[in-house]
Amino acid sequence: MVAVSMRVGTRKSVMALAQTEDIARRLSAASPGLDVEIVKFETVGDTDQTSKLLMHGGKGGAFVAEIRAAVRSGQLHAAMHSLKDMPGNEDTPGLVIGATLARDPPTDALVLRAGFSIEEFTRSRGKGLKIGTNAVRRAAYARRLFPEVEVIHFRGAADTRVRKLDSGEMQRLPSGGEVGPADALIMARSGLQRVGLVNRIAHEFSPQEMLPAAGQGIVAVECAAGDWQTRGSLSLIDDAVARASCDAEREVLWVLNGHCNSPIAAHSTIHGAQMSLTASVLDGAKFIEVTRSGPADRPRELGRAVGLELLDKGAAEIIARTRPQP
């Protein structure tokens, strides 16, 4: 039996609301008569646009923890998350991912400040330029692609970051100083698409240039493990391909025990009955990448094999170097 109503929690950002409204439409179409109420949360990651996310327990603490608590308490039936923001190296007692939506493009994109052309950027090869990001993975790849670039701390919702880029706004640092202005940003293509700014993409990085974060482009809907009525409703909008990718890529995170500041990337593709999974761990000194293929109906086994091979090649050493010191 389908629930009469469902309360779905989400962040207040433009992108998060767009994602949640899509979930509501899908649920209503799959279960006629189901009344979906969207409950907006302003998380600590939204209100604090200066601190590094690490200060709030990473993305999981900054964007996920408060909404998860509302699901556990029964205030919400479900919660919307960008899968890449959900910690993959820890258990979530009492909660399960009830649905994964069909994956949006998982790639990263280069956005340039107004008036700065891709031809100018290409000629400079990044020399003397400042590229903004808050993701250590993107920062590591940016330095690998453009060795002479200066990567600066840059936070905010997708539309806010582009506005700050165009206005030449300085970015406040956790230490109290300022940095900037930025000449370019590296952002998720899917995020730009969801806020109507795909036209600002100057270059879309291929996975070979910049491997995406695990789960990037996938929207996940989480609910209480024992709420079988909600789980039944969510199962109707679950995408099998996205679910398999979710399981494979997050298994890599689990095996590596990566923390919120780890430069870990993982991306899978499915062709027929076969899945291919590539994952990498990198910093300024070392780059490790592994690719394996296996049966698409055994994604966790493939993710585990890739993660273990990364460990055999020295991934733990890189992760340890980026782990916060007490």
Protein backbone atom coordinates (compact mmCIF):
# COMPACT_ATOMS: atom_id res chain seq x y z
CA MET A 1 0.00 0.00 0.00
CA VAL A 2 1.29 3.48 -0.90
CA ALA A 3 1.45 6.12 1.81
CA VAL A 4 -1.11 8.92 1.59
CA SER A 5 1.59 11.52 2.13
CA MET A 6 5.37 11.72 2.21
CA ARG A 7 7.53 14.45 3.75
CA VAL A 8 10.86 14.80 1.95
CA GLY A 9 13.61 16.93 3.48
CA THR A 10 16.03 19.00 1.44
CA ARG A 11 18.42 21.93 1.64
CA LYS A 12 17.18 25.38 0.69
CA SER A 13 19.63 25.93 -2.16
CA VAL A 14 18.29 26.40 -5.69
CA MET A 15 19.95 23.19 -6.85
CA ALA A 16 18.72 21.08 -3.92
CA LEU A 17 15.17 22.31 -4.36
CA ALA A 18 15.27 21.54 -8.08
CA GLN A 19 16.45 18.01 -7.31
CA THR A 20 13.75 17.49 -4.67
CA GLU A 21 11.00 18.84 -6.89
CA ASP A 22 12.08 16.29 -9.50
CA ILE A 23 11.76 13.55 -6.88
CA ALA A 24 8.27 14.79 -5.98
CA ARG A 25 7.20 14.72 -9.63
CA ARG A 26 8.52 11.20 -10.11
CA LEU A 27 6.83 9.92 -6.95
CA SER A 28 3.51 11.52 -7.86
CA ALA A 29 3.67 10.02 -11.35
CA ALA A 30 4.58 6.56 -10.00
CA SER A 31 1.97 6.67 -7.19
CA PRO A 32 -1.12 8.68 -8.23
CA GLY A 33 -2.70 10.22 -5.16
CA LEU A 34 0.54 10.35 -3.17
CA ASP A 35 0.90 13.81 -1.64
CA VAL A 36 4.58 14.78 -1.43
CA GLU A 37 5.47 17.65 0.89
CA ILE A 38 8.90 19.26 0.56
CA VAL A 39 10.43 20.38 3.86
CA LYS A 40 13.31 22.87 3.54
CA PHE A 41 16.34 22.84 5.84
CA GLU A 42 19.10 25.42 6.14
CA THR A 43 22.08 23.29 7.09
CA VAL A 44 25.29 24.47 8.70
CA GLY A 45 27.04 24.01 5.35
CA ASP A 46 24.64 26.51 3.81
CA THR A 47 24.90 29.15 6.55
CA ASP A 48 28.69 28.98 6.94
CA GLN A 49 30.18 29.87 3.56
CA THR A 50 33.69 30.55 4.90
CA SER A 51 34.91 27.54 6.86
CA LYS A 52 36.32 24.48 5.19
CA LEU A 53 33.75 21.70 5.26
CA LEU A 54 36.18 19.68 7.34
CA MET A 55 35.37 21.96 10.28
CA HIS A 56 31.80 20.65 10.23
CA GLY A 57 32.68 16.99 9.79
CA GLY A 58 33.02 17.18 6.01
CA LYS A 59 30.12 17.25 3.58
CA GLY A 60 28.35 14.61 5.63
CA GLY A 61 28.35 16.83 8.69
CA ALA A 62 27.75 20.09 6.85
CA PHE A 63 24.95 19.09 4.48
CA VAL A 64 23.61 15.69 5.51
CA ALA A 65 23.64 15.24 9.30
CA GLU A 66 20.78 17.59 10.22
CA ILE A 67 18.42 16.22 7.60
CA ARG A 68 19.31 12.64 8.51
CA ALA A 69 18.49 13.39 12.14
CA ALA A 70 15.03 14.54 11.07
CA VAL A 71 14.45 11.23 9.27
CA ARG A 72 15.59 9.25 12.29
CA SER A 73 13.26 11.21 14.58
CA GLY A 74 10.26 10.62 12.32
CA GLN A 75 9.95 14.31 11.39
CA LEU A 76 10.58 13.31 7.76
CA HIS A 77 9.74 10.21 5.76
CA ALA A 78 12.73 10.68 3.44
CA ALA A 79 15.60 13.01 2.61
CA MET A 80 17.20 14.09 -0.66
CA HIS A 81 21.00 14.08 -0.93
CA SER A 82 23.53 14.42 -3.69
CA LEU A 83 25.13 11.00 -3.46
CA LYS A 84 28.65 12.45 -3.57
CA ASP A 85 27.90 14.37 -0.35
CA MET A 86 27.00 11.22 1.59
CA PRO A 87 29.89 9.73 3.60
CA GLY A 88 30.86 6.41 2.06
CA ASN A 89 33.26 5.17 4.71
CA GLU A 90 30.87 4.82 7.62
CA ASP A 91 27.67 3.02 8.54
CA THR A 92 24.37 4.90 8.71
CA PRO A 93 22.48 2.97 11.41
CA GLY A 94 18.75 2.90 10.88
CA LEU A 95 18.85 4.49 7.41
CA VAL A 96 18.94 3.12 3.86
CA ILE A 97 19.09 4.60 0.39
CA GLY A 98 15.55 3.96 -0.81
CA ALA A 99 16.05 5.28 -4.33
CA THR A 100 18.78 6.46 -6.69
CA LEU A 101 17.61 8.55 -9.63
CA ALA A 102 18.93 8.07 -13.15
CA ARG A 103 22.38 9.61 -13.29
CA ASP A 104 22.93 13.08 -14.71
CA PRO A 105 26.22 13.75 -16.51
CA PRO A 106 28.88 13.06 -13.84
CA THR A 107 31.65 15.15 -15.36
CA ASP A 108 33.33 18.30 -14.05
CA ALA A 109 33.35 21.57 -15.94
CA LEU A 110 35.46 24.72 -16.20
CA VAL A 111 33.60 28.01 -15.76
CA LEU A 112 35.42 31.23 -16.65
CA ARG A 113 34.80 34.72 -15.32
CA ALA A 114 32.80 37.00 -17.62
CA GLY A 115 34.94 38.40 -20.43
CA PHE A 116 37.66 35.74 -20.13
CA SER A 117 37.70 33.36 -23.10
CA ILE A 118 38.68 29.72 -23.27
CA GLU A 119 41.26 30.70 -25.93
CA GLU A 120 42.94 33.02 -23.42
CA PHE A 121 42.84 30.34 -20.76
CA THR A 122 44.32 27.74 -23.11
CA ARG A 123 47.15 30.06 -24.18
CA SER A 124 48.05 30.77 -20.56
CA ARG A 125 47.95 27.07 -19.57
CA GLY A 126 46.84 28.36 -16.19
CA LYS A 127 49.97 30.42 -15.52
CA GLY A 128 49.19 33.29 -13.19
CA LEU A 129 45.53 32.29 -12.89
CA LYS A 130 43.46 31.50 -9.82
CA ILE A 131 41.02 28.59 -10.03
CA GLY A 132 38.47 28.24 -7.26
CA THR A 133 37.17 25.01 -5.72
CA ASN A 134 36.55 23.54 -2.30
CA ALA A 135 37.01 19.93 -3.43
CA VAL A 136 40.44 18.44 -2.80
CA ARG A 137 39.89 16.01 -5.67
CA ARG A 138 39.27 18.84 -8.14
CA ALA A 139 42.18 20.81 -6.71
CA ALA A 140 44.53 17.84 -7.15
CA TYR A 141 43.42 17.28 -10.74
CA ALA A 142 43.63 21.02 -11.51
CA ARG A 143 47.25 21.10 -10.36
CA ARG A 144 47.95 17.97 -12.41
CA LEU A 145 46.41 19.47 -15.56
CA PHE A 146 47.67 23.03 -15.03
CA PRO A 147 50.87 22.89 -12.94
CA GLU A 148 51.27 26.68 -12.81
CA VAL A 149 47.76 27.48 -11.65
CA GLU A 150 46.96 28.73 -8.14
CA VAL A 151 44.06 26.81 -6.64
CA ILE A 152 42.11 28.86 -4.11
CA HIS A 153 39.45 28.02 -1.51
CA PHE A 154 36.04 28.85 -3.00
CA ARG A 155 32.68 27.87 -1.50
CA GLY A 156 28.98 28.48 -2.01
CA ALA A 157 25.95 27.11 -3.82
CA ALA A 158 26.42 26.62 -7.56
CA ASP A 159 24.63 29.82 -8.59
CA THR A 160 26.30 31.80 -5.79
CA ARG A 161 29.76 30.69 -6.85
CA VAL A 162 29.20 31.82 -10.44
CA ARG A 163 27.85 35.17 -9.23
CA LYS A 164 30.91 35.70 -7.02
CA LEU A 165 33.19 34.73 -9.92
CA ASP A 166 31.63 37.29 -12.27
CA SER A 167 31.59 40.09 -9.69
CA GLY A 168 35.23 39.56 -8.78
CA GLU A 169 34.29 38.96 -5.17
CA MET A 170 37.01 37.93 -2.74
CA GLN A 171 36.56 34.65 -0.89
CA ARG A 172 36.91 34.77 2.88
CA LEU A 173 39.28 32.18 4.29
CA PRO A 174 38.79 30.12 7.44
CA SER A 175 41.94 31.78 8.81
CA GLY A 176 40.27 35.17 8.60
CA GLY A 177 42.00 36.53 5.50
CA GLU A 178 40.76 36.75 1.93
CA VAL A 179 41.79 35.25 -1.39
CA GLY A 180 40.87 35.96 -4.97
CA PRO A 181 39.28 37.07 -7.09
CA ALA A 182 39.06 33.85 -9.08
CA ASP A 183 39.58 33.66 -12.82
CA ALA A 184 37.80 30.33 -13.15
CA LEU A 185 35.94 27.67 -11.21
CA ILE A 186 35.78 23.90 -11.50
CA MET A 187 32.25 22.68 -10.82
CA ALA A 188 30.02 19.68 -11.42
CA ARG A 189 28.31 19.85 -14.79
CA SER A 190 25.14 18.42 -13.28
CA GLY A 191 24.98 21.21 -10.71
CA LEU A 192 25.31 23.89 -13.37
CA GLN A 193 22.62 22.14 -15.38
CA ARG A 194 20.21 22.07 -12.45
CA VAL A 195 20.51 25.81 -11.81
CA GLY A 196 20.22 26.75 -15.49
CA LEU A 197 23.86 27.75 -16.00
CA VAL A 198 25.05 25.07 -18.40
CA ASN A 199 25.71 27.86 -20.92
CA ARG A 200 28.59 29.02 -18.70
CA ILE A 201 30.60 25.85 -19.30
CA ALA A 202 33.80 26.78 -21.15
CA HIS A 203 35.21 23.25 -21.12
CA GLU A 204 33.80 19.93 -19.95
CA PHE A 205 36.50 17.65 -18.59
CA SER A 206 36.34 14.09 -19.81
CA PRO A 207 36.65 11.34 -17.16
CA GLN A 208 40.11 10.69 -18.60
CA GLU A 209 41.12 14.28 -17.78
CA MET A 210 39.36 14.56 -14.42
CA LEU A 211 37.77 11.48 -12.92
CA PRO A 212 34.50 12.37 -11.16
CA ALA A 213 33.80 11.95 -7.46
CA ALA A 214 32.14 8.72 -6.40
CA GLY A 215 28.41 9.11 -6.96
CA GLN A 216 28.68 12.45 -8.75
CA GLY A 217 25.55 13.18 -10.79
CA ILE A 218 23.36 10.77 -8.79
CA VAL A 219 20.55 11.97 -6.54
CA ALA A 220 19.84 9.64 -3.61
CA VAL A 221 16.73 9.47 -1.45
CA GLU A 222 17.33 8.16 2.06
CA CYS A 223 14.71 6.84 4.47
CA ALA A 224 14.39 4.87 7.70
CA ALA A 225 15.33 1.21 7.28
CA GLY A 226 12.18 0.05 9.06
CA ASP A 227 9.78 2.32 7.19
CA TRP A 228 8.62 -0.26 4.66
CA GLN A 229 5.78 1.88 3.33
CA THR A 230 8.17 4.67 2.32
CA ARG A 231 10.68 2.17 1.00
CA GLY A 232 7.97 0.68 -1.19
CA SER A 233 7.11 4.08 -2.65
CA LEU A 234 10.74 4.98 -3.26
CA SER A 235 11.45 1.65 -4.95
CA LEU A 236 9.14 2.74 -7.77
CA ILE A 237 11.53 5.53 -8.81
CA ASP A 238 14.79 3.66 -8.24
CA ASP A 239 17.03 3.43 -11.32
CA ALA A 240 18.80 0.09 -11.58
CA VAL A 241 21.83 1.43 -13.48
CA ALA A 242 22.35 4.29 -11.02
CA ARG A 243 21.92 1.87 -8.12
CA ALA A 244 24.65 -0.43 -9.46
CA SER A 245 26.99 2.53 -9.99
CA CYS A 246 26.20 3.76 -6.49
CA ASP A 247 27.08 0.37 -4.98
CA ALA A 248 30.33 -0.03 -6.92
CA GLU A 249 31.69 3.48 -6.39
CA ARG A 250 30.75 3.71 -2.72
CA GLU A 251 32.36 0.33 -2.08
CA VAL A 252 35.65 1.91 -3.18
CA LEU A 253 35.20 4.63 -0.54
CA TRP A 254 34.40 1.99 2.07
CA VAL A 255 37.50 -0.09 1.32
CA LEU A 256 39.79 2.95 1.28
CA ASN A 257 38.23 4.37 4.46
CA GLY A 258 38.64 7.79 2.92
CA HIS A 259 37.84 10.78 5.09
CA CYS A 260 36.01 13.93 4.00
CA ASN A 261 39.23 15.53 2.78
CA SER A 262 40.48 12.58 0.71
CA PRO A 263 41.28 13.12 -2.99
CA ILE A 264 39.45 10.00 -4.13
CA ALA A 265 37.63 9.62 -7.45
CA ALA A 266 35.54 6.74 -8.79
CA HIS A 267 33.39 6.35 -11.88
CA SER A 268 31.64 3.34 -13.40
CA THR A 269 29.93 2.60 -16.70
CA ILE A 270 27.72 -0.31 -17.71
CA HIS A 271 27.67 -1.91 -21.14
CA GLY A 272 25.26 -4.80 -21.36
CA ALA A 273 26.06 -7.29 -18.63
CA GLN A 274 29.49 -5.81 -17.90
CA MET A 275 30.51 -2.94 -15.64
CA SER A 276 33.78 -1.02 -15.91
CA LEU A 277 35.03 0.86 -12.86
CA THR A 278 37.91 3.32 -12.66
CA ALA A 279 39.07 4.85 -9.39
CA SER A 280 41.98 7.04 -8.43
CA VAL A 281 43.72 8.51 -5.41
CA LEU A 282 46.05 11.47 -5.92
CA ASP A 283 47.87 14.39 -4.38
CA GLY A 284 50.63 16.69 -5.53
CA ALA A 285 53.28 14.00 -5.20
CA LYS A 286 51.60 10.81 -6.43
CA PHE A 287 48.82 9.60 -8.71
CA ILE A 288 47.35 6.10 -8.59
CA GLU A 289 44.58 4.88 -10.90
CA VAL A 290 43.00 1.46 -11.30
CA THR A 291 40.49 0.17 -13.86
CA ARG A 292 38.73 -3.17 -13.68
CA SER A 293 35.70 -4.80 -15.28
CA GLY A 294 33.26 -7.37 -13.96
CA PRO A 295 29.64 -8.53 -13.98
CA ALA A 296 27.23 -5.60 -13.70
CA ASP A 297 25.08 -7.55 -11.25
CA ARG A 298 27.96 -7.78 -8.77
CA PRO A 299 28.95 -4.11 -8.36
CA ARG A 300 30.13 -4.30 -4.75
CA GLU A 301 32.57 -7.08 -5.58
CA LEU A 302 34.02 -4.97 -8.38
CA GLY A 303 34.29 -1.93 -6.13
CA ARG A 304 36.00 -3.99 -3.46
CA ALA A 305 38.54 -5.37 -5.95
CA VAL A 306 39.36 -1.89 -7.25
CA GLY A 307 39.68 -0.48 -3.75
CA LEU A 308 41.99 -3.29 -2.63
CA GLU A 309 44.21 -2.84 -5.70
CA LEU A 310 44.48 0.88 -4.93
CA LEU A 311 45.57 0.00 -1.41
CA ASP A 312 48.15 -2.44 -2.80
CA LYS A 313 49.56 0.40 -4.91
CA GLY A 314 49.95 2.80 -1.99
CA ALA A 315 46.63 4.66 -1.73
CA ALA A 316 46.65 4.51 2.07
CA GLU A 317 49.83 6.59 2.18
CA ILE A 318 48.25 9.36 0.11
CA ILE A 319 45.06 9.33 2.17
CA ALA A 320 47.09 9.47 5.39
CA ARG A 321 48.95 12.55 4.15
CA THR A 322 45.67 14.38 3.66
CA ARG A 323 44.08 13.20 6.91
CA PRO A 324 43.47 16.01 9.44
CA GLN A 325 46.03 16.06 12.21
CA PRO A 326 44.81 16.11 15.85
